C-alpha atoms as a PDB file:
ATOM      1  CA  MET A   1     123.068  89.142  82.570  1.00  0.00           C
ATOM      2  CA  LYS A   2     123.713  92.374  80.617  1.00  0.00           C
ATOM      3  CA  PRO A   3     125.142  92.115  77.103  1.00  0.00           C
ATOM      4  CA  VAL A   4     128.815  92.653  76.841  1.00  0.00           C
ATOM      5  CA  GLU A   5     130.498  94.155  73.758  1.00  0.00           C
ATOM      6  CA  ILE A   6     134.209  94.507  73.248  1.00  0.00           C
ATOM      7  CA  TYR A   7     136.016  96.322  70.518  1.00  0.00           C
ATOM      8  CA  THR A   8     139.356  94.575  69.796  1.00  0.00           C
ATOM      9  CA  SER A   9     142.270  94.016  67.468  1.00  0.00           C
ATOM     10  CA  PRO A  10     143.873  90.636  66.957  1.00  0.00           C
ATOM     11  CA  LEU A  11     147.312  92.099  67.574  1.00  0.00           C
ATOM     12  CA  CYS A  12     146.408  93.549  71.021  1.00  0.00           C
ATOM     13  CA  GLY A  13     147.567  91.712  74.081  1.00  0.00           C
ATOM     14  CA  PHE A  14     145.277  93.615  76.382  1.00  0.00           C
ATOM     15  CA  CYS A  15     142.378  92.599  74.164  1.00  0.00           C
ATOM     16  CA  HIS A  16     143.282  88.936  74.617  1.00  0.00           C
ATOM     17  CA  ALA A  17     143.718  89.490  78.407  1.00  0.00           C
ATOM     18  CA  ALA A  18     140.244  91.096  78.673  1.00  0.00           C
ATOM     19  CA  LYS A  19     138.541  88.276  76.618  1.00  0.00           C
ATOM     20  CA  ARG A  20     140.386  85.733  78.730  1.00  0.00           C
ATOM     21  CA  LEU A  21     138.927  87.146  81.944  1.00  0.00           C
ATOM     22  CA  LEU A  22     135.411  87.278  80.469  1.00  0.00           C
ATOM     23  CA  ASP A  23     135.769  83.689  79.210  1.00  0.00           C
ATOM     24  CA  GLN A  24     136.995  82.463  82.655  1.00  0.00           C
ATOM     25  CA  LYS A  25     133.914  84.032  84.221  1.00  0.00           C
ATOM     26  CA  GLY A  26     131.698  82.369  81.574  1.00  0.00           C
ATOM     27  CA  VAL A  27     130.515  85.699  80.208  1.00  0.00           C
ATOM     28  CA  LYS A  28     129.250  85.642  76.629  1.00  0.00           C
ATOM     29  CA  PHE A  29     130.359  88.754  74.657  1.00  0.00           C
ATOM     30  CA  SER A  30     130.151  90.132  71.167  1.00  0.00           C
ATOM     31  CA  GLU A  31     133.429  91.240  69.624  1.00  0.00           C
ATOM     32  CA  VAL A  32     133.999  93.947  67.069  1.00  0.00           C
ATOM     33  CA  ASN A  33     137.393  93.653  65.298  1.00  0.00           C
ATOM     34  CA  VAL A  34     138.376  97.133  64.347  1.00  0.00           C
ATOM     35  CA  LEU A  35     141.058  95.898  61.928  1.00  0.00           C
ATOM     36  CA  THR A  36     138.587  93.822  59.772  1.00  0.00           C
ATOM     37  CA  SER A  37     135.839  96.355  60.319  1.00  0.00           C
ATOM     38  CA  PRO A  38     137.656  99.736  60.127  1.00  0.00           C
ATOM     39  CA  GLY A  39     134.383 101.633  59.769  1.00  0.00           C
ATOM     40  CA  ARG A  40     133.401 100.530  63.272  1.00  0.00           C
ATOM     41  CA  LYS A  41     136.346 102.226  64.886  1.00  0.00           C
ATOM     42  CA  ALA A  42     134.555 105.645  64.525  1.00  0.00           C
ATOM     43  CA  GLU A  43     131.554 104.111  66.246  1.00  0.00           C
ATOM     44  CA  MET A  44     133.867 102.846  69.089  1.00  0.00           C
ATOM     45  CA  ILE A  45     135.522 106.287  69.576  1.00  0.00           C
ATOM     46  CA  LYS A  46     132.022 107.913  69.751  1.00  0.00           C
ATOM     47  CA  ARG A  47     130.726 105.376  72.221  1.00  0.00           C
ATOM     48  CA  ALA A  48     133.858 105.484  74.274  1.00  0.00           C
ATOM     49  CA  ARG A  49     133.688 109.368  74.394  1.00  0.00           C
ATOM     50  CA  GLY A  50     136.955 109.704  72.620  1.00  0.00           C
ATOM     51  CA  GLY A  51     138.690 106.480  73.577  1.00  0.00           C
ATOM     52  CA  ARG A  52     140.809 105.447  70.620  1.00  0.00           C
ATOM     53  CA  THR A  53     142.727 102.398  71.960  1.00  0.00           C
ATOM     54  CA  VAL A  54     141.538  98.827  72.116  1.00  0.00           C
ATOM     55  CA  PRO A  55     139.994  97.145  73.898  1.00  0.00           C
ATOM     56  CA  GLN A  56     136.961  99.282  74.654  1.00  0.00           C
ATOM     57  CA  ILE A  57     134.495  97.353  76.723  1.00  0.00           C
ATOM     58  CA  PHE A  58     130.808  97.960  77.258  1.00  0.00           C
ATOM     59  CA  ILE A  59     128.528  96.162  79.725  1.00  0.00           C
ATOM     60  CA  GLY A  60     124.922  96.948  78.811  1.00  0.00           C
ATOM     61  CA  THR A  61     125.037 100.719  78.220  1.00  0.00           C
ATOM     62  CA  ASP A  62     127.963 101.284  80.600  1.00  0.00           C
ATOM     63  CA  HIS A  63     131.331 102.021  79.175  1.00  0.00           C
ATOM     64  CA  VAL A  64     133.795 100.122  81.407  1.00  0.00           C
ATOM     65  CA  GLY A  65     136.913 101.341  79.607  1.00  0.00           C
ATOM     66  CA  GLY A  66     139.793  99.033  78.740  1.00  0.00           C
ATOM     67  CA  CYS A  67     141.480  96.037  80.076  1.00  0.00           C
ATOM     68  CA  ASP A  68     142.933  97.688  83.231  1.00  0.00           C
ATOM     69  CA  GLU A  69     139.483  98.998  84.168  1.00  0.00           C
ATOM     70  CA  LEU A  70     137.916  95.555  83.616  1.00  0.00           C
ATOM     71  CA  TYR A  71     140.512  93.876  85.861  1.00  0.00           C
ATOM     72  CA  ALA A  72     140.154  96.673  88.507  1.00  0.00           C
ATOM     73  CA  LEU A  73     136.394  95.964  88.628  1.00  0.00           C
ATOM     74  CA  GLU A  74     137.121  92.325  89.173  1.00  0.00           C
ATOM     75  CA  ARG A  75     139.775  92.942  91.863  1.00  0.00           C
ATOM     76  CA  ALA A  76     137.307  95.256  93.680  1.00  0.00           C
ATOM     77  CA  GLY A  77     134.594  92.586  93.570  1.00  0.00           C
ATOM     78  CA  LYS A  78     132.341  94.853  91.478  1.00  0.00           C
ATOM     79  CA  LEU A  79     132.422  93.134  88.078  1.00  0.00           C
ATOM     80  CA  ASP A  80     129.877  90.370  88.852  1.00  0.00           C
ATOM     81  CA  ALA A  81     127.289  92.904  90.171  1.00  0.00           C
ATOM     82  CA  LEU A  82     127.792  95.081  87.122  1.00  0.00           C
ATOM     83  CA  LEU A  83     127.245  92.054  84.798  1.00  0.00           C
ATOM     84  CA  ALA A  84     124.153  91.034  86.667  1.00  0.00           C
ATOM     85  CA  ALA A  85     122.498  94.347  87.314  1.00  0.00           C
END
């Protein structure tokens, strides 16, 4: 399984929803809280090619996007393949 990294904020409902989906699927992920590590926000924006909102989700080297994109991959039946590839 590819490594999964998610940039989050504890105040973000979309962040909680994205993490909940990953947890339900048994996916281990590393989390970067941009509120407690504000210096990492610039890193997130660069990696997400300008994406400034959280969550920003990466599977391996692929930038998935945010919560909506993660759920869209799941609904389309493509998330498991992306995680496993």
